[in-house]
């Protein structure tokens, strides 16, 4: 199986709301698309958005794993993940 390349934009350092993670991810998507580099972009902010909060069910992580598995089965090996 081909090796994956993943870029995470976010996290505890520099991951504050409004810092520009989504904008950077979208710009990377545009530039990679313009040069025909196969990739996918997952916007993580909505993967666990529900009321009441599903936090104890690890829904965000499970949704990300499911989405990435679907992209992988479609042949994608590069992922940009923003959260």
PDB file of N, CA and C in Angstrom:
ATOM      1  N   UNK A   1       0.845  -1.183   0.000  1.00  0.00           N
ATOM      2  CA  UNK A   1       0.000   0.000   0.000  1.00  0.00           C
ATOM      3  C   UNK A   1       0.888   1.244   0.000  1.00  0.00           C
ATOM      4  N   UNK A   2       0.533   2.189  -0.808  1.00  0.00           N
ATOM      5  CA  UNK A   2       1.314   3.424  -0.919  1.00  0.00           C
ATOM      6  C   UNK A   2       1.266   4.211   0.384  1.00  0.00           C
ATOM      7  N   UNK A   3       2.338   4.855   0.663  1.00  0.00           N
ATOM      8  CA  UNK A   3       2.472   5.654   1.868  1.00  0.00           C
ATOM      9  C   UNK A   3       1.645   6.935   1.767  1.00  0.00           C
ATOM     10  N   UNK A   4       1.074   7.388   2.893  1.00  0.00           N
ATOM     11  CA  UNK A   4       0.272   8.612   2.919  1.00  0.00           C
ATOM     12  C   UNK A   4       1.111   9.804   3.349  1.00  0.00           C
ATOM     13  N   UNK A   5       0.695  10.971   2.896  1.00  0.00           N
ATOM     14  CA  UNK A   5       1.282  12.243   3.325  1.00  0.00           C
ATOM     15  C   UNK A   5       0.153  13.070   3.910  1.00  0.00           C
ATOM     16  N   UNK A   6       0.327  13.499   5.158  1.00  0.00           N
ATOM     17  CA  UNK A   6      -0.724  14.248   5.849  1.00  0.00           C
ATOM     18  C   UNK A   6      -0.138  15.532   6.408  1.00  0.00           C
ATOM     19  N   UNK A   7      -0.847  16.630   6.195  1.00  0.00           N
ATOM     20  CA  UNK A   7      -0.477  17.912   6.780  1.00  0.00           C
ATOM     21  C   UNK A   7      -1.608  18.338   7.700  1.00  0.00           C
ATOM     22  N   UNK A   8      -1.297  18.524   8.979  1.00  0.00           N
ATOM     23  CA  UNK A   8      -2.275  18.984   9.954  1.00  0.00           C
ATOM     24  C   UNK A   8      -2.091  20.478  10.173  1.00  0.00           C
ATOM     25  N   UNK A   9      -3.152  21.249   9.989  1.00  0.00           N
ATOM     26  CA  UNK A   9      -3.136  22.683  10.265  1.00  0.00           C
ATOM     27  C   UNK A   9      -4.038  22.921  11.468  1.00  0.00           C
ATOM     28  N   UNK A  10      -3.445  23.241  12.587  1.00  0.00           N
ATOM     29  CA  UNK A  10      -4.242  23.472  13.794  1.00  0.00           C
ATOM     30  C   UNK A  10      -3.507  22.981  15.005  1.00  0.00           C
ATOM     31  N   UNK A  11      -4.263  22.433  15.918  1.00  0.00           N
ATOM     32  CA  UNK A  11      -3.680  21.916  17.145  1.00  0.00           C
ATOM     33  C   UNK A  11      -3.618  22.976  18.219  1.00  0.00           C
ATOM     34  N   UNK A  12      -2.932  22.659  19.255  1.00  0.00           N
ATOM     35  CA  UNK A  12      -2.875  23.545  20.418  1.00  0.00           C
ATOM     36  C   UNK A  12      -2.036  24.792  20.178  1.00  0.00           C
ATOM     37  N   UNK A  13      -0.995  24.657  19.395  1.00  0.00           N
ATOM     38  CA  UNK A  13      -0.150  25.824  19.111  1.00  0.00           C
ATOM     39  C   UNK A  13      -0.622  26.479  17.817  1.00  0.00           C
ATOM     40  N   UNK A  14      -1.169  27.664  17.916  1.00  0.00           N
ATOM     41  CA  UNK A  14      -1.585  28.384  16.725  1.00  0.00           C
ATOM     42  C   UNK A  14      -2.923  27.955  16.172  1.00  0.00           C
ATOM     43  N   UNK A  15      -3.692  27.201  16.956  1.00  0.00           N
ATOM     44  CA  UNK A  15      -4.947  26.688  16.462  1.00  0.00           C
ATOM     45  C   UNK A  15      -6.167  27.504  16.850  1.00  0.00           C
ATOM     46  N   UNK A  16      -5.980  28.720  17.304  1.00  0.00           N
ATOM     47  CA  UNK A  16      -7.098  29.536  17.760  1.00  0.00           C
ATOM     48  C   UNK A  16      -8.047  29.867  16.619  1.00  0.00           C
ATOM     49  N   UNK A  17      -9.294  30.070  16.982  1.00  0.00           N
ATOM     50  CA  UNK A  17     -10.306  30.458  16.008  1.00  0.00           C
ATOM     51  C   UNK A  17      -9.902  31.760  15.331  1.00  0.00           C
ATOM     52  N   UNK A  18     -10.037  31.804  14.017  1.00  0.00           N
ATOM     53  CA  UNK A  18      -9.708  33.014  13.272  1.00  0.00           C
ATOM     54  C   UNK A  18      -8.239  33.170  12.935  1.00  0.00           C
ATOM     55  N   UNK A  19      -7.424  32.158  13.229  1.00  0.00           N
ATOM     56  CA  UNK A  19      -5.988  32.259  12.969  1.00  0.00           C
ATOM     57  C   UNK A  19      -5.646  32.112  11.491  1.00  0.00           C
ATOM     58  N   UNK A  20      -6.587  31.581  10.679  1.00  0.00           N
ATOM     59  CA  UNK A  20      -6.350  31.460   9.250  1.00  0.00           C
ATOM     60  C   UNK A  20      -6.086  30.052   8.766  1.00  0.00           C
ATOM     61  N   UNK A  21      -6.326  29.052   9.614  1.00  0.00           N
ATOM     62  CA  UNK A  21      -6.068  27.663   9.221  1.00  0.00           C
ATOM     63  C   UNK A  21      -6.887  27.254   7.996  1.00  0.00           C
ATOM     64  N   UNK A  22      -8.176  27.551   8.011  1.00  0.00           N
ATOM     65  CA  UNK A  22      -9.037  27.192   6.881  1.00  0.00           C
ATOM     66  C   UNK A  22      -8.618  27.936   5.622  1.00  0.00           C
ATOM     67  N   UNK A  23      -8.267  29.197   5.767  1.00  0.00           N
ATOM     68  CA  UNK A  23      -7.815  29.979   4.608  1.00  0.00           C
ATOM     69  C   UNK A  23      -6.542  29.394   4.019  1.00  0.00           C
ATOM     70  N   UNK A  24      -5.609  28.997   4.871  1.00  0.00           N
ATOM     71  CA  UNK A  24      -4.362  28.384   4.394  1.00  0.00           C
ATOM     72  C   UNK A  24      -4.670  27.054   3.724  1.00  0.00           C
ATOM     73  N   UNK A  25      -5.535  26.242   4.332  1.00  0.00           N
ATOM     74  CA  UNK A  25      -5.913  24.965   3.734  1.00  0.00           C
ATOM     75  C   UNK A  25      -6.564  25.143   2.373  1.00  0.00           C
ATOM     76  N   UNK A  26      -7.464  26.106   2.262  1.00  0.00           N
ATOM     77  CA  UNK A  26      -8.126  26.368   0.982  1.00  0.00           C
ATOM     78  C   UNK A  26      -7.150  26.870  -0.069  1.00  0.00           C
ATOM     79  N   UNK A  27      -6.204  27.689   0.326  1.00  0.00           N
ATOM     80  CA  UNK A  27      -5.192  28.177  -0.619  1.00  0.00           C
ATOM     81  C   UNK A  27      -4.281  27.034  -1.068  1.00  0.00           C
ATOM     82  N   UNK A  28      -3.905  26.170  -0.140  1.00  0.00           N
ATOM     83  CA  UNK A  28      -3.094  25.008  -0.517  1.00  0.00           C
ATOM     84  C   UNK A  28      -3.854  24.126  -1.495  1.00  0.00           C
ATOM     85  N   UNK A  29      -5.146  23.926  -1.232  1.00  0.00           N
ATOM     86  CA  UNK A  29      -5.995  23.147  -2.134  1.00  0.00           C
ATOM     87  C   UNK A  29      -6.007  23.768  -3.535  1.00  0.00           C
ATOM     88  N   UNK A  30      -6.171  25.074  -3.606  1.00  0.00           N
ATOM     89  CA  UNK A  30      -6.202  25.768  -4.902  1.00  0.00           C
ATOM     90  C   UNK A  30      -4.874  25.612  -5.640  1.00  0.00           C
ATOM     91  N   UNK A  31      -3.773  25.797  -4.927  1.00  0.00           N
ATOM     92  CA  UNK A  31      -2.463  25.705  -5.578  1.00  0.00           C
ATOM     93  C   UNK A  31      -2.134  24.285  -6.007  1.00  0.00           C
ATOM     94  N   UNK A  32      -2.437  23.297  -5.163  1.00  0.00           N
ATOM     95  CA  UNK A  32      -2.183  21.912  -5.540  1.00  0.00           C
ATOM     96  C   UNK A  32      -3.064  21.500  -6.717  1.00  0.00           C
ATOM     97  N   UNK A  33      -4.314  21.951  -6.711  1.00  0.00           N
ATOM     98  CA  UNK A  33      -5.227  21.652  -7.813  1.00  0.00           C
ATOM     99  C   UNK A  33      -4.716  22.267  -9.117  1.00  0.00           C
ATOM    100  N   UNK A  34      -4.216  23.492  -9.040  1.00  0.00           N
ATOM    101  CA  UNK A  34      -3.721  24.187 -10.225  1.00  0.00           C
ATOM    102  C   UNK A  34      -2.510  23.485 -10.839  1.00  0.00           C
ATOM    103  N   UNK A  35      -1.780  22.741 -10.026  1.00  0.00           N
ATOM    104  CA  UNK A  35      -0.607  22.022 -10.527  1.00  0.00           C
ATOM    105  C   UNK A  35      -0.868  20.524 -10.653  1.00  0.00           C
ATOM    106  N   UNK A  36      -2.143  20.139 -10.586  1.00  0.00           N
ATOM    107  CA  UNK A  36      -2.588  18.748 -10.776  1.00  0.00           C
ATOM    108  C   UNK A  36      -1.991  17.765  -9.775  1.00  0.00           C
ATOM    109  N   UNK A  37      -1.785  18.207  -8.534  1.00  0.00           N
ATOM    110  CA  UNK A  37      -1.313  17.323  -7.481  1.00  0.00           C
ATOM    111  C   UNK A  37      -2.541  16.741  -6.771  1.00  0.00           C
ATOM    112  N   UNK A  38      -2.688  15.424  -6.827  1.00  0.00           N
ATOM    113  CA  UNK A  38      -3.841  14.775  -6.208  1.00  0.00           C
ATOM    114  C   UNK A  38      -3.770  14.898  -4.685  1.00  0.00           C
ATOM    115  N   UNK A  39      -4.882  15.270  -4.105  1.00  0.00           N
ATOM    116  CA  UNK A  39      -4.947  15.470  -2.661  1.00  0.00           C
ATOM    117  C   UNK A  39      -6.406  15.593  -2.246  1.00  0.00           C
ATOM    118  N   UNK A  40      -6.651  15.615  -0.951  1.00  0.00           N
ATOM    119  CA  UNK A  40      -7.982  15.928  -0.433  1.00  0.00           C
ATOM    120  C   UNK A  40      -7.817  16.888   0.736  1.00  0.00           C
ATOM    121  N   UNK A  41      -8.876  17.609   1.018  1.00  0.00           N
ATOM    122  CA  UNK A  41      -8.901  18.579   2.105  1.00  0.00           C
ATOM    123  C   UNK A  41     -10.083  18.240   2.990  1.00  0.00           C
ATOM    124  N   UNK A  42      -9.803  18.013   4.273  1.00  0.00           N
ATOM    125  CA  UNK A  42     -10.872  17.772   5.243  1.00  0.00           C
ATOM    126  C   UNK A  42     -10.871  18.916   6.236  1.00  0.00           C
ATOM    127  N   UNK A  43     -12.002  19.571   6.339  1.00  0.00           N
ATOM    128  CA  UNK A  43     -12.221  20.674   7.277  1.00  0.00           C
ATOM    129  C   UNK A  43     -12.775  20.054   8.556  1.00  0.00           C
ATOM    130  N   UNK A  44     -11.950  19.965   9.574  1.00  0.00           N
ATOM    131  CA  UNK A  44     -12.310  19.226  10.779  1.00  0.00           C
ATOM    132  C   UNK A  44     -13.257  19.915  11.728  1.00  0.00           C
ATOM    133  N   UNK A  45     -13.492  21.196  11.536  1.00  0.00           N
ATOM    134  CA  UNK A  45     -14.311  21.933  12.496  1.00  0.00           C
ATOM    135  C   UNK A  45     -15.724  21.381  12.625  1.00  0.00           C
ATOM    136  N   UNK A  46     -16.240  20.732  11.603  1.00  0.00           N
ATOM    137  CA  UNK A  46     -17.619  20.261  11.640  1.00  0.00           C
ATOM    138  C   UNK A  46     -17.763  18.760  11.846  1.00  0.00           C
ATOM    139  N   UNK A  47     -16.688  18.051  12.070  1.00  0.00           N
ATOM    140  CA  UNK A  47     -16.761  16.599  12.180  1.00  0.00           C
ATOM    141  C   UNK A  47     -17.439  16.115  13.456  1.00  0.00           C
ATOM    142  N   UNK A  48     -17.512  16.951  14.460  1.00  0.00           N
ATOM    143  CA  UNK A  48     -18.151  16.559  15.713  1.00  0.00           C
ATOM    144  C   UNK A  48     -19.161  17.577  16.186  1.00  0.00           C
ATOM    145  N   UNK A  49     -19.662  18.387  15.264  1.00  0.00           N
ATOM    146  CA  UNK A  49     -20.583  19.462  15.613  1.00  0.00           C
ATOM    147  C   UNK A  49     -21.996  18.907  15.775  1.00  0.00           C
ATOM    148  N   UNK A  50     -22.458  18.846  17.021  1.00  0.00           N
ATOM    149  CA  UNK A  50     -23.790  18.330  17.324  1.00  0.00           C
ATOM    150  C   UNK A  50     -24.195  18.821  18.704  1.00  0.00           C
ATOM    151  N   UNK A  51     -25.475  18.768  18.974  1.00  0.00           N
ATOM    152  CA  UNK A  51     -25.971  19.099  20.303  1.00  0.00           C
ATOM    153  C   UNK A  51     -26.907  17.992  20.752  1.00  0.00           C
ATOM    154  N   UNK A  52     -26.744  17.459  21.925  1.00  0.00           N
ATOM    155  CA  UNK A  52     -25.658  17.773  22.855  1.00  0.00           C
ATOM    156  C   UNK A  52     -24.313  17.274  22.334  1.00  0.00           C
ATOM    157  N   UNK A  53     -23.264  17.802  22.908  1.00  0.00           N
ATOM    158  CA  UNK A  53     -21.920  17.492  22.449  1.00  0.00           C
ATOM    159  C   UNK A  53     -21.645  15.988  22.490  1.00  0.00           C
ATOM    160  N   UNK A  54     -21.140  15.436  21.375  1.00  0.00           N
ATOM    161  CA  UNK A  54     -20.841  14.004  21.327  1.00  0.00           C
ATOM    162  C   UNK A  54     -19.431  13.673  21.806  1.00  0.00           C
ATOM    163  N   UNK A  55     -18.765  14.599  22.490  1.00  0.00           N
ATOM    164  CA  UNK A  55     -17.366  14.447  22.871  1.00  0.00           C
ATOM    165  C   UNK A  55     -16.993  13.122  23.486  1.00  0.00           C
ATOM    166  N   UNK A  56     -17.836  12.606  24.361  1.00  0.00           N
ATOM    167  CA  UNK A  56     -17.500  11.351  25.030  1.00  0.00           C
ATOM    168  C   UNK A  56     -17.548  10.148  24.091  1.00  0.00           C
ATOM    169  N   UNK A  57     -18.108  10.322  22.928  1.00  0.00           N
ATOM    170  CA  UNK A  57     -18.197   9.232  21.954  1.00  0.00           C
ATOM    171  C   UNK A  57     -17.060   9.258  20.935  1.00  0.00           C
ATOM    172  N   UNK A  58     -16.161  10.219  21.050  1.00  0.00           N
ATOM    173  CA  UNK A  58     -15.033  10.356  20.118  1.00  0.00           C
ATOM    174  C   UNK A  58     -15.516  10.435  18.678  1.00  0.00           C
ATOM    175  N   UNK A  59     -16.642  11.120  18.479  1.00  0.00           N
ATOM    176  CA  UNK A  59     -17.264  11.197  17.165  1.00  0.00           C
ATOM    177  C   UNK A  59     -16.383  11.913  16.145  1.00  0.00           C
ATOM    178  N   UNK A  60     -15.696  12.967  16.560  1.00  0.00           N
ATOM    179  CA  UNK A  60     -14.815  13.691  15.636  1.00  0.00           C
ATOM    180  C   UNK A  60     -13.750  12.756  15.077  1.00  0.00           C
ATOM    181  N   UNK A  61     -13.082  12.018  15.956  1.00  0.00           N
ATOM    182  CA  UNK A  61     -12.029  11.107  15.523  1.00  0.00           C
ATOM    183  C   UNK A  61     -12.589   9.994  14.644  1.00  0.00           C
ATOM    184  N   UNK A  62     -13.750   9.468  15.003  1.00  0.00           N
ATOM    185  CA  UNK A  62     -14.360   8.396  14.215  1.00  0.00           C
ATOM    186  C   UNK A  62     -14.784   8.898  12.837  1.00  0.00           C
ATOM    187  N   UNK A  63     -15.332  10.109  12.777  1.00  0.00           N
ATOM    188  CA  UNK A  63     -15.723  10.678  11.481  1.00  0.00           C
ATOM    189  C   UNK A  63     -14.499  10.933  10.607  1.00  0.00           C
ATOM    190  N   UNK A  64     -13.420  11.448  11.200  1.00  0.00           N
ATOM    191  CA  UNK A  64     -12.193  11.668  10.433  1.00  0.00           C
ATOM    192  C   UNK A  64     -11.654  10.342   9.899  1.00  0.00           C
ATOM    193  N   UNK A  65     -11.616   9.322  10.736  1.00  0.00           N
ATOM    194  CA  UNK A  65     -11.121   8.018  10.297  1.00  0.00           C
ATOM    195  C   UNK A  65     -11.967   7.470   9.149  1.00  0.00           C
ATOM    196  N   UNK A  66     -13.288   7.631   9.242  1.00  0.00           N
ATOM    197  CA  UNK A  66     -14.176   7.142   8.187  1.00  0.00           C
ATOM    198  C   UNK A  66     -13.973   7.922   6.891  1.00  0.00           C
ATOM    199  N   UNK A  67     -13.867   9.248   6.989  1.00  0.00           N
ATOM    200  CA  UNK A  67     -13.664  10.053   5.787  1.00  0.00           C
ATOM    201  C   UNK A  67     -12.329   9.723   5.132  1.00  0.00           C
ATOM    202  N   UNK A  68     -11.264   9.607   5.935  1.00  0.00           N
ATOM    203  CA  UNK A  68      -9.953   9.310   5.379  1.00  0.00           C
ATOM    204  C   UNK A  68      -9.950   7.928   4.733  1.00  0.00           C
ATOM    205  N   UNK A  69     -10.623   6.957   5.357  1.00  0.00           N
ATOM    206  CA  UNK A  69     -10.715   5.621   4.766  1.00  0.00           C
ATOM    207  C   UNK A  69     -11.415   5.689   3.405  1.00  0.00           C
ATOM    208  N   UNK A  70     -12.439   6.506   3.297  1.00  0.00           N
ATOM    209  CA  UNK A  70     -13.147   6.655   2.018  1.00  0.00           C
ATOM    210  C   UNK A  70     -12.251   7.302   0.966  1.00  0.00           C
ATOM    211  N   UNK A  71     -11.524   8.336   1.342  1.00  0.00           N
ATOM    212  CA  UNK A  71     -10.600   8.966   0.396  1.00  0.00           C
ATOM    213  C   UNK A  71      -9.509   7.982  -0.024  1.00  0.00           C
ATOM    214  N   UNK A  72      -8.964   7.243   0.953  1.00  0.00           N
ATOM    215  CA  UNK A  72      -7.908   6.266   0.652  1.00  0.00           C
ATOM    216  C   UNK A  72      -8.412   5.212  -0.333  1.00  0.00           C
ATOM    217  N   UNK A  73      -9.637   4.722  -0.103  1.00  0.00           N
ATOM    218  CA  UNK A  73     -10.167   3.692  -1.005  1.00  0.00           C
ATOM    219  C   UNK A  73     -10.410   4.252  -2.406  1.00  0.00           C
ATOM    220  N   UNK A  74     -10.548   5.572  -2.507  1.00  0.00           N
ATOM    221  CA  UNK A  74     -10.702   6.216  -3.816  1.00  0.00           C
ATOM    222  C   UNK A  74      -9.345   6.542  -4.447  1.00  0.00           C
ATOM    223  N   UNK A  75      -8.255   6.239  -3.738  1.00  0.00           N
ATOM    224  CA  UNK A  75      -6.925   6.408  -4.304  1.00  0.00           C
ATOM    225  C   UNK A  75      -6.143   7.611  -3.825  1.00  0.00           C
ATOM    226  N   UNK A  76      -6.712   8.415  -2.948  1.00  0.00           N
ATOM    227  CA  UNK A  76      -5.991   9.605  -2.459  1.00  0.00           C
ATOM    228  C   UNK A  76      -4.957   9.195  -1.430  1.00  0.00           C
ATOM    229  N   UNK A  77      -3.795   9.838  -1.484  1.00  0.00           N
ATOM    230  CA  UNK A  77      -2.691   9.542  -0.549  1.00  0.00           C
ATOM    231  C   UNK A  77      -2.217  10.800   0.169  1.00  0.00           C
ATOM    232  N   UNK A  78      -2.694  11.967  -0.254  1.00  0.00           N
ATOM    233  CA  UNK A  78      -2.299  13.225   0.380  1.00  0.00           C
ATOM    234  C   UNK A  78      -3.528  13.869   1.014  1.00  0.00           C
ATOM    235  N   UNK A  79      -3.385  14.246   2.279  1.00  0.00           N
ATOM    236  CA  UNK A  79      -4.475  14.842   3.028  1.00  0.00           C
ATOM    237  C   UNK A  79      -4.014  16.135   3.669  1.00  0.00           C
ATOM    238  N   UNK A  80      -4.830  17.167   3.528  1.00  0.00           N
ATOM    239  CA  UNK A  80      -4.677  18.409   4.291  1.00  0.00           C
ATOM    240  C   UNK A  80      -5.841  18.419   5.267  1.00  0.00           C
ATOM    241  N   UNK A  81      -5.543  18.498   6.553  1.00  0.00           N
ATOM    242  CA  UNK A  81      -6.582  18.480   7.587  1.00  0.00           C
ATOM    243  C   UNK A  81      -6.485  19.774   8.397  1.00  0.00           C
ATOM    244  N   UNK A  82      -7.580  20.509   8.435  1.00  0.00           N
ATOM    245  CA  UNK A  82      -7.608  21.730   9.240  1.00  0.00           C
ATOM    246  C   UNK A  82      -8.574  21.548  10.389  1.00  0.00           C
ATOM    247  N   UNK A  83      -8.198  22.060  11.550  1.00  0.00           N
ATOM    248  CA  UNK A  83      -9.081  21.983  12.727  1.00  0.00           C
ATOM    249  C   UNK A  83      -8.662  23.024  13.748  1.00  0.00           C
TER     250      UNK A  83
END
